[in-house]
């Protein structure tokens, strides 16, 4: 979950409160936040200051800066009403023309202007930090949306958004001392610790996106870097915000989030100037402040939360959450503000009613059912076997579910059996398929611990995945138990003894309920292995591991192992 770090004194000043840390922690909890940590840090002036680290929901983009956070809390505490955001339309609005070439790489752009803005050092830093948090969150590290903010007084409209070959783009990038071509900049940023993660987004494209003003000054080369010419400073008064994107809807959310947080600092608070965006086939103005409406049944809200309150009370509670509503034909006509992009369904409205009502105020009652929960039989047997294996001196391990074909088959001397579910586009060679056996994980763990004191006695009880045409997804999970014994001697009698202990504990009797049958599995040594049958169904195998398999895994001592299908004995 994202965390917002704010200075305690600044936060308390904005909220006009004087609370203890515990009281503020309770306030956060009531609002659905969490005060995660309290730290003391030195500021740039060398003075020690208390900072709160507040954890917010991942889809509450409006709370990612102190401006949005304090506004939401003030509304919740009844100290202000949710502001109404206005669009200003000048006689000749600024224009951003989008050329067709951008469709090859980042086809959309949305813009807005904040006029007569007054920055302080704190609000300026917050403005920069919000952009970075949005880049890491909804923007998906700039792959979906890239934000550019510019000092409008240093530029001349109209603006042009186009895409050109990298060698045709040359400008002085932010914090650079001289001009570079886009190709040179990509080389520079490939070695930059902070910037290199963004380079691959457009590196292999034949054209790079770029924004110019009417004099040919480069504003930015999204999603990599802005130009030095139009950078924002403390003295900036008029700010042009442009968000280029591959996802237009996300771009509008990002733009509205920035506007909602910082338009309060404008001479005309909560007012934003529009920009005309001209595409080859149509024109539009941005930002878009369309207020979504939603019909919500109060009966649904009461039943979902487990309370009984009037529709009028619901409307009051929603106002505490910054949501205005009216009552029409016995239902709530909810008006979703631009800051609440997390509200998508009536259940989201019900959640806000529950938060405002106070979850601690909901009466606790017994559910009106006759069912009693209990542990699944498979999990019950699994836990029992874990305890018994531990009492027998075996240590439980937990290995990766994903293997390579090499580990699952070749190194185990197993032929391809068609049971493996292959991953079509694995991120790494090591993770090509979900395991069909637990034994490779056991052997890899032994191989990594052969310098430890012998014997090594380990086990794993977990799921494997095998193909199954009878299932709707054509595959199923299967709970298996596997154990390995590595010592100076084979230890096969130890594995056999472990098998007998486990069977006894789940009331399976030798010969009556389970029996052993000679086998010829290539993973195990010939004549030193046996298949385990439970009520005439093959349930597993145990024996000495074949020397070639031990050599493949780099194990220099004999190993005996067992693998058992728990679902056949649960």
Protein backbone atom coordinates (compact mmCIF):
# COMPACT_ATOMS: atom_id res chain seq x y z
CA UNK A 1 0.00 0.00 0.00
CA UNK A 2 1.31 3.53 -0.72
CA UNK A 3 2.61 5.59 2.18
CA UNK A 4 2.47 9.35 2.53
CA UNK A 5 5.13 10.98 4.71
CA UNK A 6 4.06 14.30 6.23
CA UNK A 7 5.53 16.57 8.89
CA UNK A 8 3.46 16.42 12.07
CA UNK A 9 3.45 20.18 12.66
CA UNK A 10 2.41 20.93 9.05
CA UNK A 11 -0.30 18.29 9.18
CA UNK A 12 -1.71 19.54 12.48
CA UNK A 13 -1.65 23.14 11.23
CA UNK A 14 -3.60 22.18 8.11
CA UNK A 15 -6.14 20.24 10.17
CA UNK A 16 -6.28 22.87 12.96
CA UNK A 17 -5.98 20.14 15.60
CA UNK A 18 -3.91 19.45 18.70
CA UNK A 19 -3.97 15.71 19.24
CA UNK A 20 -1.73 13.11 20.79
CA UNK A 21 -0.26 10.54 18.44
CA UNK A 22 -2.72 7.94 19.73
CA UNK A 23 -5.67 10.25 19.10
CA UNK A 24 -4.49 10.92 15.57
CA UNK A 25 -3.94 7.20 15.05
CA UNK A 26 -7.59 6.65 16.05
CA UNK A 27 -8.71 9.38 13.63
CA UNK A 28 -6.81 7.67 10.80
CA UNK A 29 -8.38 4.33 11.69
CA UNK A 30 -11.88 5.83 11.69
CA UNK A 31 -11.26 7.24 8.21
CA UNK A 32 -9.85 3.97 6.86
CA UNK A 33 -6.17 4.93 7.01
CA UNK A 34 -3.31 3.62 9.10
CA UNK A 35 -0.64 5.62 10.91
CA UNK A 36 2.14 3.20 10.02
CA UNK A 37 5.14 4.84 11.68
CA UNK A 38 6.30 7.92 13.54
CA UNK A 39 9.89 9.01 12.94
CA UNK A 40 12.15 11.88 13.90
CA UNK A 41 14.23 13.20 11.00
CA UNK A 42 16.49 16.15 10.35
CA UNK A 43 15.20 18.71 7.88
CA UNK A 44 17.38 20.56 5.35
CA UNK A 45 17.97 23.28 7.96
CA UNK A 46 19.33 20.68 10.40
CA UNK A 47 16.35 20.90 12.73
CA UNK A 48 14.80 17.68 14.03
CA UNK A 49 11.15 17.23 13.15
CA UNK A 50 8.51 14.56 13.73
CA UNK A 51 7.12 12.88 10.59
CA UNK A 52 4.07 10.66 10.22
CA UNK A 53 4.05 7.85 7.68
CA UNK A 54 0.41 7.22 6.77
CA UNK A 55 -0.66 4.20 4.75
CA UNK A 56 -3.47 4.87 2.29
CA UNK A 57 -5.51 2.63 0.01
CA UNK A 58 -3.85 1.97 -3.36
CA UNK A 59 -6.86 3.32 -5.29
CA UNK A 60 -7.18 6.57 -3.29
CA UNK A 61 -4.92 8.66 -5.52
CA UNK A 62 -6.38 11.84 -4.02
CA UNK A 63 -4.73 11.02 -0.66
CA UNK A 64 -1.16 10.70 -1.98
CA UNK A 65 -0.17 14.24 -0.93
CA UNK A 66 -0.74 16.36 2.17
CA UNK A 67 -3.13 18.66 0.29
CA UNK A 68 -5.55 15.88 -0.62
CA UNK A 69 -5.09 14.06 2.69
CA UNK A 70 -5.83 17.06 4.88
CA UNK A 71 -8.77 18.15 2.74
CA UNK A 72 -10.37 14.71 3.04
CA UNK A 73 -9.79 14.63 6.81
CA UNK A 74 -11.19 18.15 7.29
CA UNK A 75 -14.34 17.16 5.40
CA UNK A 76 -14.57 13.98 7.49
CA UNK A 77 -14.23 15.99 10.72
CA UNK A 78 -16.91 18.45 9.57
CA UNK A 79 -14.50 21.41 9.38
CA UNK A 80 -15.22 22.16 5.71
CA UNK A 81 -17.42 21.09 2.82
CA UNK A 82 -16.05 19.33 -0.22
CA UNK A 83 -15.10 22.05 -2.73
CA UNK A 84 -16.69 22.26 -6.16
CA UNK A 85 -14.09 22.32 -8.91
CA UNK A 86 -14.67 24.78 -11.73
CA UNK A 87 -13.41 25.01 -15.31
CA UNK A 88 -12.40 28.40 -16.70
CA UNK A 89 -12.78 28.92 -20.45
CA UNK A 90 -10.78 31.90 -21.76
CA UNK A 91 -11.73 33.66 -24.99
CA UNK A 92 -8.76 32.03 -26.75
CA UNK A 93 -7.75 28.86 -24.92
CA UNK A 94 -4.31 27.36 -25.38
CA UNK A 95 -4.12 24.69 -28.06
CA UNK A 96 -2.24 21.38 -28.13
CA UNK A 97 -2.17 19.85 -31.63
CA UNK A 98 -1.59 16.10 -31.78
CA UNK A 99 0.04 14.76 -34.94
CA UNK A 100 -0.80 11.33 -36.35
CA UNK A 101 2.80 10.13 -35.78
CA UNK A 102 2.14 9.85 -32.04
CA UNK A 103 -0.22 6.92 -32.68
CA UNK A 104 2.88 4.77 -33.14
CA UNK A 105 3.93 5.17 -29.53
CA UNK A 106 1.80 7.35 -27.12
CA UNK A 107 -1.37 8.50 -28.89
CA UNK A 108 -3.11 10.55 -26.18
CA UNK A 109 -2.50 13.78 -24.34
CA UNK A 110 -4.60 15.72 -21.81
CA UNK A 111 -3.71 19.18 -20.54
CA UNK A 112 -4.72 21.90 -18.10
CA UNK A 113 -3.46 25.26 -16.83
CA UNK A 114 -3.29 26.42 -13.22
CA UNK A 115 -3.26 30.24 -13.26
CA UNK A 116 -1.77 32.60 -10.67
CA UNK A 117 -0.48 29.82 -8.50
CA UNK A 118 1.37 30.60 -5.26
CA UNK A 119 3.98 28.05 -4.26
CA UNK A 120 5.65 27.78 -0.87
CA UNK A 121 8.66 25.54 -0.36
CA UNK A 122 6.43 22.88 1.22
CA UNK A 123 3.72 23.01 -1.46
CA UNK A 124 6.36 23.01 -4.22
CA UNK A 125 7.98 19.87 -2.78
CA UNK A 126 4.55 18.27 -2.38
CA UNK A 127 3.75 19.10 -6.03
CA UNK A 128 6.87 17.25 -7.21
CA UNK A 129 6.37 14.31 -4.82
CA UNK A 130 2.76 13.77 -5.91
CA UNK A 131 3.86 13.43 -9.52
CA UNK A 132 6.42 10.81 -8.54
CA UNK A 133 3.89 8.87 -6.44
CA UNK A 134 1.40 8.90 -9.31
CA UNK A 135 4.12 7.73 -11.70
CA UNK A 136 4.84 4.75 -9.47
CA UNK A 137 1.17 3.98 -8.83
CA UNK A 138 -1.58 4.51 -11.41
CA UNK A 139 0.90 5.48 -14.15
CA UNK A 140 2.62 2.08 -13.77
CA UNK A 141 6.11 3.57 -13.78
CA UNK A 142 5.24 5.89 -16.68
CA UNK A 143 4.26 3.06 -19.03
CA UNK A 144 0.59 4.12 -19.06
CA UNK A 145 0.88 7.84 -18.29
CA UNK A 146 3.74 10.33 -18.05
CA UNK A 147 3.26 13.70 -16.35
CA UNK A 148 4.92 16.91 -17.50
CA UNK A 149 4.59 20.22 -15.64
CA UNK A 150 5.94 23.47 -17.09
CA UNK A 151 6.33 27.15 -16.30
CA UNK A 152 3.88 28.54 -18.83
CA UNK A 153 5.40 32.03 -18.71
CA UNK A 154 8.59 30.69 -20.34
CA UNK A 155 6.67 29.20 -23.28
CA UNK A 156 4.64 30.39 -26.25
CA UNK A 157 1.50 28.63 -27.42
CA UNK A 158 0.09 26.93 -29.36
CA UNK A 159 1.82 23.62 -28.65
CA UNK A 160 2.57 20.63 -30.83
CA UNK A 161 2.66 16.99 -29.72
CA UNK A 162 4.41 14.84 -32.30
CA UNK A 163 6.79 11.89 -32.69
CA UNK A 164 10.15 11.99 -34.49
CA UNK A 165 13.20 9.78 -35.01
CA UNK A 166 15.47 10.15 -31.96
CA UNK A 167 18.31 11.76 -33.90
CA UNK A 168 15.93 14.52 -35.05
CA UNK A 169 15.12 15.56 -31.48
CA UNK A 170 17.64 17.84 -29.77
CA UNK A 171 17.18 19.91 -26.64
CA UNK A 172 18.58 20.69 -23.21
CA UNK A 173 17.01 18.21 -20.83
CA UNK A 174 16.16 18.93 -17.20
CA UNK A 175 19.27 19.46 -15.05
CA UNK A 176 21.60 19.01 -18.04
CA UNK A 177 24.23 21.65 -18.84
CA UNK A 178 24.07 21.33 -22.64
CA UNK A 179 21.87 20.15 -25.47
CA UNK A 180 21.75 16.49 -26.52
CA UNK A 181 19.93 14.48 -29.13
CA UNK A 182 17.35 12.00 -27.88
CA UNK A 183 19.73 9.16 -28.77
CA UNK A 184 22.47 10.70 -26.62
CA UNK A 185 20.04 11.29 -23.76
CA UNK A 186 18.94 7.65 -23.77
CA UNK A 187 22.58 6.63 -23.52
CA UNK A 188 23.10 9.03 -20.59
CA UNK A 189 19.97 7.89 -18.75
CA UNK A 190 20.75 4.20 -19.29
CA UNK A 191 23.57 4.68 -16.80
CA UNK A 192 21.52 6.81 -14.39
CA UNK A 193 20.33 4.93 -11.30
CA UNK A 194 17.04 6.83 -11.04
CA UNK A 195 16.21 7.16 -14.74
CA UNK A 196 17.41 3.90 -16.32
CA UNK A 197 14.18 2.05 -15.43
CA UNK A 198 12.21 4.34 -17.78
CA UNK A 199 14.56 4.08 -20.78
CA UNK A 200 13.22 0.72 -22.11
CA UNK A 201 9.69 2.15 -22.45
CA UNK A 202 10.53 3.86 -25.78
CA UNK A 203 14.14 2.76 -26.45
CA UNK A 204 13.34 0.40 -29.33
CA UNK A 205 10.72 2.61 -30.96
CA UNK A 206 11.60 4.14 -34.35
CA UNK A 207 10.11 7.44 -33.18
CA UNK A 208 10.09 9.20 -29.78
CA UNK A 209 7.26 11.45 -28.56
CA UNK A 210 8.09 15.12 -28.10
CA UNK A 211 6.19 18.34 -27.29
CA UNK A 212 7.14 21.72 -28.80
CA UNK A 213 5.90 25.25 -28.30
CA UNK A 214 5.31 27.65 -31.19
CA UNK A 215 8.99 28.74 -31.16
CA UNK A 216 10.31 25.18 -31.39
CA UNK A 217 11.25 24.95 -27.71
CA UNK A 218 11.01 21.39 -26.40
CA UNK A 219 8.76 21.09 -23.36
CA UNK A 220 9.33 17.38 -22.81
CA UNK A 221 10.21 14.05 -24.31
CA UNK A 222 7.68 11.81 -22.55
CA UNK A 223 7.91 9.52 -20.72
CA UNK A 224 11.61 10.18 -20.11
CA UNK A 225 12.41 13.79 -19.25
CA UNK A 226 11.18 17.39 -19.34
CA UNK A 227 13.10 20.27 -20.85
CA UNK A 228 15.26 22.56 -18.73
CA UNK A 229 13.77 25.66 -20.42
CA UNK A 230 10.31 25.31 -18.84
CA UNK A 231 11.12 23.76 -15.47
CA UNK A 232 8.98 24.65 -12.46
CA UNK A 233 10.48 26.83 -9.72
CA UNK A 234 9.23 28.40 -6.49
CA UNK A 235 8.54 31.62 -8.39
CA UNK A 236 6.40 29.93 -11.06
CA UNK A 237 2.95 31.49 -11.28
CA UNK A 238 1.29 29.77 -14.23
CA UNK A 239 1.65 26.01 -14.68
CA UNK A 240 0.91 23.98 -17.79
CA UNK A 241 0.22 20.33 -16.98
CA UNK A 242 0.39 17.78 -19.80
CA UNK A 243 -0.12 14.04 -19.43
CA UNK A 244 0.78 11.87 -22.40
CA UNK A 245 -0.55 8.34 -22.32
CA UNK A 246 -1.30 5.00 -23.85
CA UNK A 247 -4.42 4.87 -21.63
CA UNK A 248 -6.54 7.99 -22.01
CA UNK A 249 -8.83 7.21 -19.07
CA UNK A 250 -5.87 6.84 -16.71
CA UNK A 251 -4.43 10.11 -18.03
CA UNK A 252 -7.66 11.96 -17.18
CA UNK A 253 -7.60 10.51 -13.66
CA UNK A 254 -3.99 11.60 -13.16
CA UNK A 255 -4.66 15.12 -14.46
CA UNK A 256 -7.75 15.56 -12.28
CA UNK A 257 -5.88 14.28 -9.22
CA UNK A 258 -3.16 16.91 -9.60
CA UNK A 259 -5.72 19.66 -10.24
CA UNK A 260 -7.85 18.68 -7.25
CA UNK A 261 -4.86 18.81 -4.93
CA UNK A 262 -3.17 22.02 -6.09
CA UNK A 263 -5.83 24.27 -7.61
CA UNK A 264 -6.44 25.44 -4.02
CA UNK A 265 -3.25 27.50 -4.32
CA UNK A 266 -4.56 29.46 -7.33
CA UNK A 267 -5.70 33.07 -7.00
CA UNK A 268 -9.17 31.77 -7.89
CA UNK A 269 -9.18 28.59 -5.75
CA UNK A 270 -10.36 25.30 -7.28
CA UNK A 271 -10.54 26.84 -10.76
CA UNK A 272 -8.68 25.34 -13.72
CA UNK A 273 -8.19 26.71 -17.22
CA UNK A 274 -9.03 24.38 -20.08
CA UNK A 275 -6.75 23.50 -23.03
CA UNK A 276 -8.04 22.61 -26.49
CA UNK A 277 -6.53 19.34 -27.75
CA UNK A 278 -6.74 19.01 -31.54
CA UNK A 279 -6.45 15.54 -33.10
CA UNK A 280 -6.46 14.83 -36.83
CA UNK A 281 -10.09 13.75 -36.78
CA UNK A 282 -11.62 15.64 -33.84
CA UNK A 283 -11.14 18.27 -31.14
CA UNK A 284 -11.73 18.10 -27.39
CA UNK A 285 -11.11 20.22 -24.32
CA UNK A 286 -9.37 19.00 -21.21
CA UNK A 287 -9.58 18.54 -18.30
CA UNK A 288 -12.96 16.80 -18.16
CA UNK A 289 -14.89 17.38 -14.91
CA UNK A 290 -17.88 15.20 -15.69
CA UNK A 291 -19.50 14.37 -12.36
CA UNK A 292 -20.61 10.78 -12.39
CA UNK A 293 -23.96 9.91 -10.82
CA UNK A 294 -25.08 6.62 -9.33
CA UNK A 295 -28.41 5.31 -8.04
CA UNK A 296 -28.01 3.46 -4.76
CA UNK A 297 -30.72 1.53 -2.91
CA UNK A 298 -30.56 2.27 0.86
CA UNK A 299 -31.85 -1.25 1.60
CA UNK A 300 -28.82 -2.66 -0.20
CA UNK A 301 -26.46 -0.44 1.82
CA UNK A 302 -28.06 -1.41 5.17
CA UNK A 303 -27.99 -5.12 4.35
CA UNK A 304 -24.38 -5.00 3.20
CA UNK A 305 -23.11 -3.22 6.32
CA UNK A 306 -25.47 -4.85 8.82
CA UNK A 307 -27.10 -1.67 10.13
CA UNK A 308 -30.50 -0.01 9.97
CA UNK A 309 -30.31 3.75 9.33
CA UNK A 310 -32.54 6.12 7.38
CA UNK A 311 -31.76 7.29 3.88
CA UNK A 312 -31.40 10.84 5.22
CA UNK A 313 -28.72 9.63 7.64
CA UNK A 314 -26.91 7.88 4.80
CA UNK A 315 -26.82 11.12 2.84
CA UNK A 316 -25.29 12.92 5.85
CA UNK A 317 -22.66 10.20 6.28
CA UNK A 318 -21.69 10.34 2.62
CA UNK A 319 -21.13 14.09 2.93
CA UNK A 320 -18.53 13.32 5.62
CA UNK A 321 -16.71 11.27 2.97
CA UNK A 322 -16.80 14.14 0.46
CA UNK A 323 -19.68 12.69 -1.56
CA UNK A 324 -22.85 14.69 -2.17
CA UNK A 325 -26.15 12.93 -2.69
CA UNK A 326 -29.84 13.66 -2.95
CA UNK A 327 -32.94 11.55 -2.36
CA UNK A 328 -34.95 10.72 -5.47
CA UNK A 329 -37.84 8.23 -5.41
CA UNK A 330 -36.61 6.61 -2.21
CA UNK A 331 -33.07 6.07 -3.51
CA UNK A 332 -29.79 7.89 -3.13
CA UNK A 333 -28.76 9.86 -6.21
CA UNK A 334 -25.01 9.91 -5.53
CA UNK A 335 -22.76 12.47 -7.22
CA UNK A 336 -19.21 11.12 -7.40
CA UNK A 337 -16.58 13.91 -7.28
CA UNK A 338 -13.53 13.91 -9.55
CA UNK A 339 -11.34 12.97 -6.58
CA UNK A 340 -13.13 9.66 -5.98
CA UNK A 341 -12.22 7.52 -8.96
CA UNK A 342 -12.24 4.53 -6.59
CA UNK A 343 -16.06 4.55 -6.51
CA UNK A 344 -17.20 2.23 -9.29
CA UNK A 345 -20.19 0.35 -7.83
CA UNK A 346 -22.89 0.82 -5.17
CA UNK A 347 -20.84 -1.44 -2.88
CA UNK A 348 -18.14 1.29 -2.87
CA UNK A 349 -20.76 3.78 -1.71
CA UNK A 350 -21.83 1.32 1.00
CA UNK A 351 -18.21 1.07 2.13
CA UNK A 352 -18.02 4.84 2.58
CA UNK A 353 -21.28 4.82 4.53
CA UNK A 354 -19.78 2.14 6.77
CA UNK A 355 -16.59 4.15 7.34
CA UNK A 356 -18.52 7.32 8.18
CA UNK A 357 -20.91 5.38 10.43
CA UNK A 358 -17.94 3.78 12.20
CA UNK A 359 -17.26 0.07 11.99
CA UNK A 360 -16.81 -0.01 15.76
CA UNK A 361 -20.39 1.27 16.10
CA UNK A 362 -21.88 -1.67 14.18
CA UNK A 363 -23.68 -3.99 16.58
CA UNK A 364 -22.17 -7.44 16.75
CA UNK A 365 -24.76 -10.17 16.21
CA UNK A 366 -24.61 -13.88 15.57
CA UNK A 367 -25.10 -14.77 11.89
CA UNK A 368 -28.49 -16.24 11.08
CA UNK A 369 -27.16 -19.57 9.84
CA UNK A 370 -26.97 -23.11 11.20
CA UNK A 371 -23.59 -23.95 9.74
CA UNK A 372 -20.42 -24.34 11.79
CA UNK A 373 -17.05 -23.77 10.21
CA UNK A 374 -14.32 -26.37 10.51
CA UNK A 375 -11.01 -27.23 8.93
CA UNK A 376 -11.04 -28.92 5.54
CA UNK A 377 -10.22 -32.67 5.86
CA UNK A 378 -7.24 -32.31 3.52
CA UNK A 379 -5.77 -29.46 5.58
CA UNK A 380 -6.45 -31.38 8.79
CA UNK A 381 -4.49 -34.41 7.54
CA UNK A 382 -1.75 -32.12 6.19
CA UNK A 383 -1.29 -30.47 9.59
CA UNK A 384 -1.26 -33.85 11.31
CA UNK A 385 1.43 -35.17 8.97
CA UNK A 386 3.53 -32.04 9.46
CA UNK A 387 3.50 -32.57 13.23
CA UNK A 388 4.42 -36.26 12.94
CA UNK A 389 7.24 -35.61 10.45
CA UNK A 390 8.60 -32.95 12.77
CA UNK A 391 8.47 -35.32 15.76
CA UNK A 392 10.37 -37.85 13.67
CA UNK A 393 13.23 -35.34 13.39
CA UNK A 394 12.52 -33.93 9.91
CA UNK A 395 12.67 -30.19 9.20
CA UNK A 396 10.00 -28.66 6.98
CA UNK A 397 11.08 -26.72 3.90
CA UNK A 398 9.19 -24.53 1.43
CA UNK A 399 10.49 -24.41 -2.14
CA UNK A 400 9.46 -22.66 -5.36
CA UNK A 401 6.31 -23.91 -7.06
CA UNK A 402 7.79 -23.09 -10.48
CA UNK A 403 10.59 -25.17 -11.99
CA UNK A 404 12.42 -25.49 -15.28
CA UNK A 405 11.94 -28.53 -17.52
CA UNK A 406 15.53 -29.37 -16.70
CA UNK A 407 14.90 -29.71 -12.95
CA UNK A 408 11.49 -31.32 -13.29
CA UNK A 409 12.53 -33.93 -15.87
CA UNK A 410 16.10 -34.11 -17.21
CA UNK A 411 18.02 -33.93 -13.94
CA UNK A 412 15.56 -36.38 -12.36
CA UNK A 413 16.03 -38.88 -15.27
CA UNK A 414 12.30 -38.64 -15.91
CA UNK A 415 10.87 -38.79 -19.44
CA UNK A 416 8.36 -36.12 -20.51
CA UNK A 417 4.97 -37.43 -19.39
CA UNK A 418 2.61 -34.75 -20.69
CA UNK A 419 1.41 -33.88 -17.18
CA UNK A 420 3.19 -30.52 -16.88
CA UNK A 421 1.34 -27.24 -17.42
CA UNK A 422 3.77 -25.17 -19.46
CA UNK A 423 4.01 -21.40 -18.96
CA UNK A 424 3.81 -19.81 -22.41
CA UNK A 425 5.93 -16.72 -21.74
CA UNK A 426 8.14 -17.32 -18.66
CA UNK A 427 10.07 -14.38 -17.25
CA UNK A 428 13.10 -16.60 -16.57
CA UNK A 429 14.46 -19.97 -17.67
CA UNK A 430 14.11 -21.24 -14.09
CA UNK A 431 10.32 -20.79 -14.11
CA UNK A 432 8.95 -22.69 -17.10
CA UNK A 433 6.30 -24.84 -15.44
CA UNK A 434 4.53 -25.51 -12.15
CA UNK A 435 6.18 -28.53 -10.53
CA UNK A 436 4.66 -31.97 -11.02
CA UNK A 437 6.72 -33.46 -8.18
CA UNK A 438 8.19 -32.18 -4.91
CA UNK A 439 11.38 -34.24 -5.16
CA UNK A 440 13.49 -31.68 -7.15
CA UNK A 441 12.91 -29.09 -4.41
CA UNK A 442 13.94 -31.57 -1.72
CA UNK A 443 17.11 -32.54 -3.62
CA UNK A 444 18.04 -28.91 -4.36
CA UNK A 445 17.70 -28.09 -0.67
CA UNK A 446 19.91 -31.06 0.29
CA UNK A 447 22.49 -29.99 -2.33
CA UNK A 448 22.60 -26.50 -0.80
CA UNK A 449 23.19 -27.89 2.71
CA UNK A 450 25.64 -30.76 2.27
CA UNK A 451 28.22 -28.84 4.34
CA UNK A 452 25.88 -29.06 7.31
CA UNK A 453 26.15 -31.84 9.85
CA UNK A 454 24.81 -35.16 8.55
CA UNK A 455 22.28 -36.66 8.40
CA UNK A 456 20.06 -34.10 6.68
CA UNK A 457 16.39 -34.90 7.27
CA UNK A 458 13.89 -32.59 5.52
CA UNK A 459 10.34 -32.72 4.20
CA UNK A 460 7.88 -30.62 2.22
CA UNK A 461 4.09 -30.86 2.23
CA UNK A 462 2.64 -28.69 -0.50
CA UNK A 463 0.81 -28.64 -3.83
CA UNK A 464 1.90 -29.77 -7.26
CA UNK A 465 0.04 -29.01 -10.51
CA UNK A 466 -0.87 -31.57 -13.16
CA UNK A 467 -2.99 -31.50 -16.30
CA UNK A 468 -6.51 -32.88 -15.95
CA UNK A 469 -8.93 -32.74 -18.89
CA UNK A 470 -11.90 -33.32 -16.55
CA UNK A 471 -11.39 -29.93 -14.87
CA UNK A 472 -12.79 -26.71 -16.33
CA UNK A 473 -9.30 -25.16 -16.41
CA UNK A 474 -7.77 -28.44 -17.70
CA UNK A 475 -5.45 -28.67 -14.68
CA UNK A 476 -5.66 -29.32 -10.95
CA UNK A 477 -3.70 -28.92 -7.76
CA UNK A 478 -2.64 -32.05 -5.89
CA UNK A 479 -1.38 -32.08 -2.28
CA UNK A 480 1.82 -34.15 -1.97
CA UNK A 481 4.21 -35.06 0.84
CA UNK A 482 7.91 -35.56 0.12
CA UNK A 483 10.82 -36.22 2.46
CA UNK A 484 14.53 -36.83 1.98
CA UNK A 485 17.22 -38.44 4.15
CA UNK A 486 20.88 -37.73 3.33
CA UNK A 487 23.68 -39.32 5.33
CA UNK A 488 26.76 -41.52 5.19
CA UNK A 489 24.49 -44.51 4.60
CA UNK A 490 21.45 -44.75 2.35
CA UNK A 491 18.95 -44.31 5.19
CA UNK A 492 16.29 -46.19 3.27
CA UNK A 493 15.13 -47.82 6.50
CA UNK A 494 14.60 -44.34 7.96
CA UNK A 495 12.33 -43.32 5.05
CA UNK A 496 10.47 -46.64 5.32
CA UNK A 497 10.03 -46.03 9.04
CA UNK A 498 8.71 -42.51 8.39
CA UNK A 499 6.16 -43.98 5.96
CA UNK A 500 4.97 -46.50 8.55
CA UNK A 501 4.66 -43.76 11.24
CA UNK A 502 2.59 -41.53 8.97
CA UNK A 503 0.29 -44.36 7.90
CA UNK A 504 -0.23 -45.45 11.49
CA UNK A 505 -1.19 -41.94 12.60
CA UNK A 506 -3.97 -41.76 10.01
CA UNK A 507 -5.19 -45.26 10.87
CA UNK A 508 -4.05 -47.07 7.73
CA UNK A 509 -2.88 -50.61 8.44
CA UNK A 510 -0.06 -52.46 6.72
CA UNK A 511 -1.29 -54.92 4.05
CA UNK A 512 -4.95 -54.27 4.96
CA UNK A 513 -5.02 -50.59 3.85
CA UNK A 514 -1.65 -50.04 2.18
CA UNK A 515 1.05 -52.19 0.63
CA UNK A 516 4.35 -51.91 -1.27
CA UNK A 517 4.94 -53.06 -4.84
CA UNK A 518 8.36 -53.24 -6.58
CA UNK A 519 8.83 -50.45 -9.13
CA UNK A 520 11.22 -49.32 -11.87
CA UNK A 521 11.20 -45.53 -11.61
CA UNK A 522 14.37 -44.11 -13.30
CA UNK A 523 14.75 -41.47 -10.55
CA UNK A 524 15.46 -44.22 -8.01
CA UNK A 525 18.11 -46.95 -7.78
CA UNK A 526 17.02 -50.30 -9.31
CA UNK A 527 15.88 -52.92 -6.78
CA UNK A 528 15.94 -50.25 -4.04
CA UNK A 529 12.54 -48.69 -4.60
CA UNK A 530 8.86 -49.48 -4.15
CA UNK A 531 5.51 -48.00 -5.09
CA UNK A 532 2.99 -47.31 -2.33
CA UNK A 533 -0.56 -48.49 -2.94
CA UNK A 534 -3.43 -47.36 -0.73
CA UNK A 535 -6.58 -49.45 -1.21
CA UNK A 536 -5.35 -50.57 -4.65
CA UNK A 537 -4.59 -47.00 -5.82
CA UNK A 538 -1.03 -45.90 -6.46
CA UNK A 539 -0.38 -43.19 -3.89
CA UNK A 540 3.38 -42.69 -4.04
CA UNK A 541 6.90 -44.08 -4.23
CA UNK A 542 10.00 -44.28 -2.03
CA UNK A 543 13.54 -45.61 -2.32
CA UNK A 544 17.20 -44.71 -2.83
CA UNK A 545 17.86 -41.88 -5.30
CA UNK A 546 19.80 -42.96 -8.39
CA UNK A 547 23.53 -41.96 -8.37
CA UNK A 548 23.16 -40.10 -11.70
CA UNK A 549 20.41 -37.94 -10.18
CA UNK A 550 22.62 -37.23 -7.15
CA UNK A 551 25.46 -36.28 -9.50
CA UNK A 552 23.14 -34.00 -11.50
CA UNK A 553 22.27 -32.11 -8.30
CA UNK A 554 25.83 -32.09 -6.97
CA UNK A 555 25.13 -34.30 -3.95
CA UNK A 556 28.05 -36.46 -2.81
CA UNK A 557 26.20 -38.61 -0.27
CA UNK A 558 23.50 -41.26 -0.65
CA UNK A 559 19.93 -40.03 -0.38
CA UNK A 560 16.66 -41.87 0.19
CA UNK A 561 13.37 -40.13 -0.47
CA UNK A 562 9.62 -40.55 -0.53
CA UNK A 563 6.77 -38.82 -2.32
CA UNK A 564 3.15 -39.45 -1.38
CA UNK A 565 -0.19 -38.18 -2.73
CA UNK A 566 -1.95 -36.98 0.45
CA UNK A 567 -5.33 -36.60 -1.24
CA UNK A 568 -5.62 -40.37 -1.62
CA UNK A 569 -5.24 -40.91 2.12
CA UNK A 570 -7.02 -37.83 3.54
